[in-house]
Amino acid sequence: MKDLNEMQLGALCEMGNIGAGNAATALSQLLDLKIDINVPNVRVVALESSDTWGDRGEIQVALYLKVEGEAPGKALFLTSTQSGEYIAKTLLRMDKRPDLNSDGIACSAIMEVGNILVSSFLVALTNFSGIHMQSSIPAMCIDMLGAMLQGIFLDSDEVGDTVLIIDTEFSGTSDIEGQFLFIPDGDSLDKLLGVFGL
């Protein structure tokens, strides 16, 4: 994996901020709350780095989409089970937080929110770079992070050696947290940066 310079990271951060703005608008409308999403940090790290994923034994909710087009890869939104429960409770106007392991309607609601969040970031990448990208229907998984990642890697013919991590901070509610990740296939990340001459 090659290191990125300050200009390259700046371009990726700008794309992340545009995507976050789009995602915040859509999420605010869905949940009927004023929510802002800030991007304090964008990182490109080695896929197998021990610092990339944190505790791989931690149970998390993952919204996973395949990315097709000129820069294919995999896109994920990772969040805690507590955040997933809050999103479903708020969206469905429930009296208490649902059990995501047994409530199919709650899981469908989270998948729709995840689809909007991930798609917002992909649209920003497409609009900013001019490289066409489109996403598949989302899938949701609740499991240990390491097990989910292994399944994603097995579901691919080609996986690059880097991952783009867009850290996100939600304001307007303290009950939502998460990260957007793009795992590029092959030279997809080089294509995105190449349009800026970077």
C-alpha atoms as a PDB file:
ATOM      1  CA  MET A   1       0.000   0.000   0.000  1.00  0.00           C
ATOM      2  CA  LYS A   2       1.383   3.407  -0.952  1.00  0.00           C
ATOM      3  CA  ASP A   3       1.164   6.393   1.372  1.00  0.00           C
ATOM      4  CA  LEU A   4      -1.039   9.287   0.272  1.00  0.00           C
ATOM      5  CA  ASN A   5       0.169  12.853   0.379  1.00  0.00           C
ATOM      6  CA  GLU A   6      -1.610  15.805   1.952  1.00  0.00           C
ATOM      7  CA  MET A   7      -3.287  16.871  -1.312  1.00  0.00           C
ATOM      8  CA  GLN A   8      -4.667  13.391  -1.937  1.00  0.00           C
ATOM      9  CA  LEU A   9      -6.066  13.112   1.594  1.00  0.00           C
ATOM     10  CA  GLY A  10      -7.518  16.604   1.256  1.00  0.00           C
ATOM     11  CA  ALA A  11      -9.379  15.609  -1.918  1.00  0.00           C
ATOM     12  CA  LEU A  12     -10.757  12.490  -0.229  1.00  0.00           C
ATOM     13  CA  CYS A  13     -11.791  14.514   2.839  1.00  0.00           C
ATOM     14  CA  GLU A  14     -13.649  16.999   0.635  1.00  0.00           C
ATOM     15  CA  MET A  15     -15.524  14.124  -1.016  1.00  0.00           C
ATOM     16  CA  GLY A  16     -16.331  12.747   2.424  1.00  0.00           C
ATOM     17  CA  ASN A  17     -17.709  16.059   3.639  1.00  0.00           C
ATOM     18  CA  ILE A  18     -19.972  16.397   0.606  1.00  0.00           C
ATOM     19  CA  GLY A  19     -21.274  12.878   1.162  1.00  0.00           C
ATOM     20  CA  ALA A  20     -21.802  13.582   4.860  1.00  0.00           C
ATOM     21  CA  GLY A  21     -23.841  16.675   4.047  1.00  0.00           C
ATOM     22  CA  ASN A  22     -26.077  14.711   1.695  1.00  0.00           C
ATOM     23  CA  ALA A  23     -26.448  11.889   4.230  1.00  0.00           C
ATOM     24  CA  ALA A  24     -27.292  14.298   7.073  1.00  0.00           C
ATOM     25  CA  THR A  25     -30.062  15.921   5.049  1.00  0.00           C
ATOM     26  CA  ALA A  26     -31.614  12.574   4.154  1.00  0.00           C
ATOM     27  CA  LEU A  27     -31.308  11.203   7.708  1.00  0.00           C
ATOM     28  CA  SER A  28     -32.808  14.360   9.223  1.00  0.00           C
ATOM     29  CA  GLN A  29     -35.846  14.032   6.979  1.00  0.00           C
ATOM     30  CA  LEU A  30     -36.267  10.340   7.743  1.00  0.00           C
ATOM     31  CA  LEU A  31     -35.975  10.623  11.519  1.00  0.00           C
ATOM     32  CA  ASP A  32     -37.595  14.079  11.783  1.00  0.00           C
ATOM     33  CA  LEU A  33     -34.559  15.327  13.709  1.00  0.00           C
ATOM     34  CA  LYS A  34     -31.998  18.003  12.967  1.00  0.00           C
ATOM     35  CA  ILE A  35     -28.853  15.955  12.404  1.00  0.00           C
ATOM     36  CA  ASP A  36     -25.467  17.082  11.154  1.00  0.00           C
ATOM     37  CA  ILE A  37     -22.662  14.763  10.134  1.00  0.00           C
ATOM     38  CA  ASN A  38     -19.072  15.946  10.273  1.00  0.00           C
ATOM     39  CA  VAL A  39     -16.024  14.209   8.845  1.00  0.00           C
ATOM     40  CA  PRO A  40     -13.129  14.835  11.248  1.00  0.00           C
ATOM     41  CA  ASN A  41     -10.769  12.409   9.558  1.00  0.00           C
ATOM     42  CA  VAL A  42     -10.274  10.414   6.369  1.00  0.00           C
ATOM     43  CA  ARG A  43      -7.775   7.585   6.324  1.00  0.00           C
ATOM     44  CA  VAL A  44      -6.471   5.154   3.757  1.00  0.00           C
ATOM     45  CA  VAL A  45      -4.967   2.200   5.583  1.00  0.00           C
ATOM     46  CA  ALA A  46      -3.783  -1.310   4.879  1.00  0.00           C
ATOM     47  CA  LEU A  47      -6.662  -3.753   4.772  1.00  0.00           C
ATOM     48  CA  GLU A  48      -5.028  -6.186   7.161  1.00  0.00           C
ATOM     49  CA  SER A  49      -3.666  -3.592   9.580  1.00  0.00           C
ATOM     50  CA  SER A  50      -4.484  -4.407  13.189  1.00  0.00           C
ATOM     51  CA  ASP A  51      -5.417  -0.743  13.695  1.00  0.00           C
ATOM     52  CA  THR A  52      -7.914  -0.663  10.825  1.00  0.00           C
ATOM     53  CA  TRP A  53     -10.893  -2.332  12.435  1.00  0.00           C
ATOM     54  CA  GLY A  54     -10.381  -2.117  16.165  1.00  0.00           C
ATOM     55  CA  ASP A  55     -11.743  -5.025  18.145  1.00  0.00           C
ATOM     56  CA  ARG A  56     -12.724  -7.681  15.600  1.00  0.00           C
ATOM     57  CA  GLY A  57     -14.572  -9.581  18.318  1.00  0.00           C
ATOM     58  CA  GLU A  58     -16.990  -6.707  18.934  1.00  0.00           C
ATOM     59  CA  ILE A  59     -20.607  -7.211  17.849  1.00  0.00           C
ATOM     60  CA  GLN A  60     -21.605  -4.546  15.322  1.00  0.00           C
ATOM     61  CA  VAL A  61     -24.267  -3.793  12.743  1.00  0.00           C
ATOM     62  CA  ALA A  62     -22.936  -3.649   9.199  1.00  0.00           C
ATOM     63  CA  LEU A  63     -24.775  -2.372   6.135  1.00  0.00           C
ATOM     64  CA  TYR A  64     -22.996  -3.799   3.125  1.00  0.00           C
ATOM     65  CA  LEU A  65     -23.328  -2.903  -0.549  1.00  0.00           C
ATOM     66  CA  LYS A  66     -21.372  -3.970  -3.589  1.00  0.00           C
ATOM     67  CA  VAL A  67     -20.126  -1.063  -5.677  1.00  0.00           C
ATOM     68  CA  GLU A  68     -20.127  -1.454  -9.433  1.00  0.00           C
ATOM     69  CA  GLY A  69     -19.067   0.822 -12.261  1.00  0.00           C
ATOM     70  CA  GLU A  70     -15.734   2.367 -13.137  1.00  0.00           C
ATOM     71  CA  ALA A  71     -14.306   2.056  -9.611  1.00  0.00           C
ATOM     72  CA  PRO A  72     -15.774  -1.152  -8.161  1.00  0.00           C
ATOM     73  CA  GLY A  73     -15.405  -2.265  -4.576  1.00  0.00           C
ATOM     74  CA  LYS A  74     -17.385  -2.768  -1.404  1.00  0.00           C
ATOM     75  CA  ALA A  75     -19.043  -0.069   0.686  1.00  0.00           C
ATOM     76  CA  LEU A  76     -20.028  -0.454   4.324  1.00  0.00           C
ATOM     77  CA  PHE A  77     -21.565   1.556   7.083  1.00  0.00           C
ATOM     78  CA  LEU A  78     -20.575   0.192  10.477  1.00  0.00           C
ATOM     79  CA  THR A  79     -22.420   1.142  13.635  1.00  0.00           C
ATOM     80  CA  SER A  80     -23.043  -0.215  17.115  1.00  0.00           C
ATOM     81  CA  THR A  81     -26.071  -2.338  17.951  1.00  0.00           C
ATOM     82  CA  GLN A  82     -27.233   0.479  20.266  1.00  0.00           C
ATOM     83  CA  SER A  83     -27.185   2.950  17.360  1.00  0.00           C
ATOM     84  CA  GLY A  84     -29.031   0.494  15.132  1.00  0.00           C
ATOM     85  CA  GLU A  85     -31.722   0.008  17.760  1.00  0.00           C
ATOM     86  CA  TYR A  86     -32.108   3.763  18.195  1.00  0.00           C
ATOM     87  CA  ILE A  87     -32.421   4.353  14.452  1.00  0.00           C
ATOM     88  CA  ALA A  88     -35.130   1.683  14.119  1.00  0.00           C
ATOM     89  CA  LYS A  89     -37.003   2.892  17.233  1.00  0.00           C
ATOM     90  CA  THR A  90     -37.023   6.503  16.033  1.00  0.00           C
ATOM     91  CA  LEU A  91     -37.888   5.752  12.425  1.00  0.00           C
ATOM     92  CA  LEU A  92     -40.732   3.382  13.303  1.00  0.00           C
ATOM     93  CA  ARG A  93     -41.977   5.533  16.227  1.00  0.00           C
ATOM     94  CA  MET A  94     -41.645   2.578  18.606  1.00  0.00           C
ATOM     95  CA  ASP A  95     -42.077   2.841  22.380  1.00  0.00           C
ATOM     96  CA  LYS A  96     -38.914   0.880  23.117  1.00  0.00           C
ATOM     97  CA  ARG A  97     -35.839  -0.255  21.290  1.00  0.00           C
ATOM     98  CA  PRO A  98     -36.375  -3.396  19.200  1.00  0.00           C
ATOM     99  CA  ASP A  99     -34.418  -6.633  19.289  1.00  0.00           C
ATOM    100  CA  LEU A 100     -32.556  -6.547  15.993  1.00  0.00           C
ATOM    101  CA  ASN A 101     -32.009 -10.298  16.101  1.00  0.00           C
ATOM    102  CA  SER A 102     -35.730 -11.014  15.883  1.00  0.00           C
ATOM    103  CA  ASP A 103     -37.540  -7.927  14.552  1.00  0.00           C
ATOM    104  CA  GLY A 104     -37.572  -8.108  10.757  1.00  0.00           C
ATOM    105  CA  ILE A 105     -39.368  -4.791  10.306  1.00  0.00           C
ATOM    106  CA  ALA A 106     -36.757  -2.993  12.408  1.00  0.00           C
ATOM    107  CA  CYS A 107     -33.965  -4.573  10.379  1.00  0.00           C
ATOM    108  CA  SER A 108     -35.646  -3.497   7.125  1.00  0.00           C
ATOM    109  CA  ALA A 109     -35.831   0.061   8.441  1.00  0.00           C
ATOM    110  CA  ILE A 110     -32.130   0.058   9.294  1.00  0.00           C
ATOM    111  CA  MET A 111     -31.264  -1.327   5.853  1.00  0.00           C
ATOM    112  CA  GLU A 112     -33.150   1.535   4.222  1.00  0.00           C
ATOM    113  CA  VAL A 113     -31.333   4.090   6.364  1.00  0.00           C
ATOM    114  CA  GLY A 114     -28.011   2.392   5.646  1.00  0.00           C
ATOM    115  CA  ASN A 115     -28.766   2.377   1.941  1.00  0.00           C
ATOM    116  CA  ILE A 116     -29.400   6.130   2.023  1.00  0.00           C
ATOM    117  CA  LEU A 117     -26.265   6.844   4.055  1.00  0.00           C
ATOM    118  CA  VAL A 118     -23.932   4.726   1.911  1.00  0.00           C
ATOM    119  CA  SER A 119     -25.516   5.885  -1.347  1.00  0.00           C
ATOM    120  CA  SER A 120     -25.036   9.518  -0.266  1.00  0.00           C
ATOM    121  CA  PHE A 121     -21.315   8.962   0.069  1.00  0.00           C
ATOM    122  CA  LEU A 122     -21.108   7.095  -3.248  1.00  0.00           C
ATOM    123  CA  VAL A 123     -23.004   9.864  -5.041  1.00  0.00           C
ATOM    124  CA  ALA A 124     -20.525  12.361  -3.597  1.00  0.00           C
ATOM    125  CA  LEU A 125     -17.591  10.276  -4.821  1.00  0.00           C
ATOM    126  CA  THR A 126     -19.170  10.040  -8.273  1.00  0.00           C
ATOM    127  CA  ASN A 127     -20.050  13.732  -8.537  1.00  0.00           C
ATOM    128  CA  PHE A 128     -16.710  14.908  -7.207  1.00  0.00           C
ATOM    129  CA  SER A 129     -14.553  12.577  -9.296  1.00  0.00           C
ATOM    130  CA  GLY A 130     -16.706  12.128 -12.410  1.00  0.00           C
ATOM    131  CA  ILE A 131     -16.188   8.375 -12.124  1.00  0.00           C
ATOM    132  CA  HIS A 132     -19.478   6.476 -12.316  1.00  0.00           C
ATOM    133  CA  MET A 133     -20.273   4.268  -9.321  1.00  0.00           C
ATOM    134  CA  GLN A 134     -23.508   2.524  -8.424  1.00  0.00           C
ATOM    135  CA  SER A 135     -24.467   0.325  -5.496  1.00  0.00           C
ATOM    136  CA  SER A 136     -26.309  -2.947  -5.129  1.00  0.00           C
ATOM    137  CA  ILE A 137     -29.276  -3.653  -2.868  1.00  0.00           C
ATOM    138  CA  PRO A 138     -27.980  -3.481   0.728  1.00  0.00           C
ATOM    139  CA  ALA A 139     -27.481  -6.441   3.012  1.00  0.00           C
ATOM    140  CA  MET A 140     -27.366  -6.203   6.799  1.00  0.00           C
ATOM    141  CA  CYS A 141     -25.470  -8.336   9.249  1.00  0.00           C
ATOM    142  CA  ILE A 142     -25.193  -8.342  13.030  1.00  0.00           C
ATOM    143  CA  ASP A 143     -22.131 -10.278  14.088  1.00  0.00           C
ATOM    144  CA  MET A 144     -18.582 -10.061  15.328  1.00  0.00           C
ATOM    145  CA  LEU A 145     -16.714  -7.634  13.103  1.00  0.00           C
ATOM    146  CA  GLY A 146     -14.050 -10.162  12.146  1.00  0.00           C
ATOM    147  CA  ALA A 147     -16.616 -12.717  10.980  1.00  0.00           C
ATOM    148  CA  MET A 148     -18.450 -10.132   8.872  1.00  0.00           C
ATOM    149  CA  LEU A 149     -15.249  -8.978   7.199  1.00  0.00           C
ATOM    150  CA  GLN A 150     -14.260 -12.529   6.392  1.00  0.00           C
ATOM    151  CA  GLY A 151     -17.621 -13.078   4.703  1.00  0.00           C
ATOM    152  CA  ILE A 152     -17.212  -9.895   2.659  1.00  0.00           C
ATOM    153  CA  PHE A 153     -13.744 -10.928   1.495  1.00  0.00           C
ATOM    154  CA  LEU A 154     -15.006 -14.384   0.482  1.00  0.00           C
ATOM    155  CA  ASP A 155     -17.762 -12.703  -1.558  1.00  0.00           C
ATOM    156  CA  SER A 156     -15.239 -11.113  -3.898  1.00  0.00           C
ATOM    157  CA  ASP A 157     -13.104 -12.188  -6.805  1.00  0.00           C
ATOM    158  CA  GLU A 158     -10.692  -9.315  -6.313  1.00  0.00           C
ATOM    159  CA  VAL A 159      -9.958  -7.281  -3.216  1.00  0.00           C
ATOM    160  CA  GLY A 160      -7.402  -4.495  -3.071  1.00  0.00           C
ATOM    161  CA  ASP A 161      -4.971  -4.053  -0.200  1.00  0.00           C
ATOM    162  CA  THR A 162      -6.370  -0.771   1.126  1.00  0.00           C
ATOM    163  CA  VAL A 163      -9.518   0.583   2.696  1.00  0.00           C
ATOM    164  CA  LEU A 164     -10.806   4.166   2.684  1.00  0.00           C
ATOM    165  CA  ILE A 165     -12.233   4.992   6.113  1.00  0.00           C
ATOM    166  CA  ILE A 166     -14.362   8.108   6.500  1.00  0.00           C
ATOM    167  CA  ASP A 167     -14.805   8.778  10.212  1.00  0.00           C
ATOM    168  CA  THR A 168     -18.164  10.390  10.959  1.00  0.00           C
ATOM    169  CA  GLU A 169     -19.400  12.431  13.921  1.00  0.00           C
ATOM    170  CA  PHE A 170     -23.153  12.871  14.343  1.00  0.00           C
ATOM    171  CA  SER A 171     -24.481  15.984  16.082  1.00  0.00           C
ATOM    172  CA  GLY A 172     -28.103  16.625  16.990  1.00  0.00           C
ATOM    173  CA  THR A 173     -28.297  13.229  18.671  1.00  0.00           C
ATOM    174  CA  SER A 174     -25.850  11.353  20.864  1.00  0.00           C
ATOM    175  CA  ASP A 175     -27.401   7.997  19.996  1.00  0.00           C
ATOM    176  CA  ILE A 176     -25.960   7.485  16.505  1.00  0.00           C
ATOM    177  CA  GLU A 177     -22.370   6.708  15.620  1.00  0.00           C
ATOM    178  CA  GLY A 178     -20.655   5.022  12.740  1.00  0.00           C
ATOM    179  CA  GLN A 179     -18.040   4.843  10.018  1.00  0.00           C
ATOM    180  CA  PHE A 180     -18.272   4.733   6.241  1.00  0.00           C
ATOM    181  CA  LEU A 181     -15.809   2.406   4.559  1.00  0.00           C
ATOM    182  CA  PHE A 182     -14.947   1.859   0.921  1.00  0.00           C
ATOM    183  CA  ILE A 183     -12.848  -1.199   0.114  1.00  0.00           C
ATOM    184  CA  PRO A 184     -11.690  -0.669  -3.471  1.00  0.00           C
ATOM    185  CA  ASP A 185     -11.139  -3.538  -5.856  1.00  0.00           C
ATOM    186  CA  GLY A 186      -7.807  -3.510  -7.628  1.00  0.00           C
ATOM    187  CA  ASP A 187      -6.819  -0.009  -8.749  1.00  0.00           C
ATOM    188  CA  SER A 188     -10.183   1.678  -8.032  1.00  0.00           C
ATOM    189  CA  LEU A 189      -8.687   4.090  -5.483  1.00  0.00           C
ATOM    190  CA  ASP A 190      -5.984   5.118  -7.976  1.00  0.00           C
ATOM    191  CA  LYS A 191      -8.730   5.876 -10.504  1.00  0.00           C
ATOM    192  CA  LEU A 192     -10.562   8.134  -8.040  1.00  0.00           C
ATOM    193  CA  LEU A 193      -7.409  10.053  -7.199  1.00  0.00           C
ATOM    194  CA  GLY A 194      -6.199  10.093 -10.784  1.00  0.00           C
ATOM    195  CA  VAL A 195      -8.950  12.445 -11.939  1.00  0.00           C
ATOM    196  CA  PHE A 196      -7.387  15.164  -9.767  1.00  0.00           C
ATOM    197  CA  GLY A 197      -3.926  14.506 -11.144  1.00  0.00           C
ATOM    198  CA  LEU A 198      -3.036  13.047  -7.771  1.00  0.00           C
END
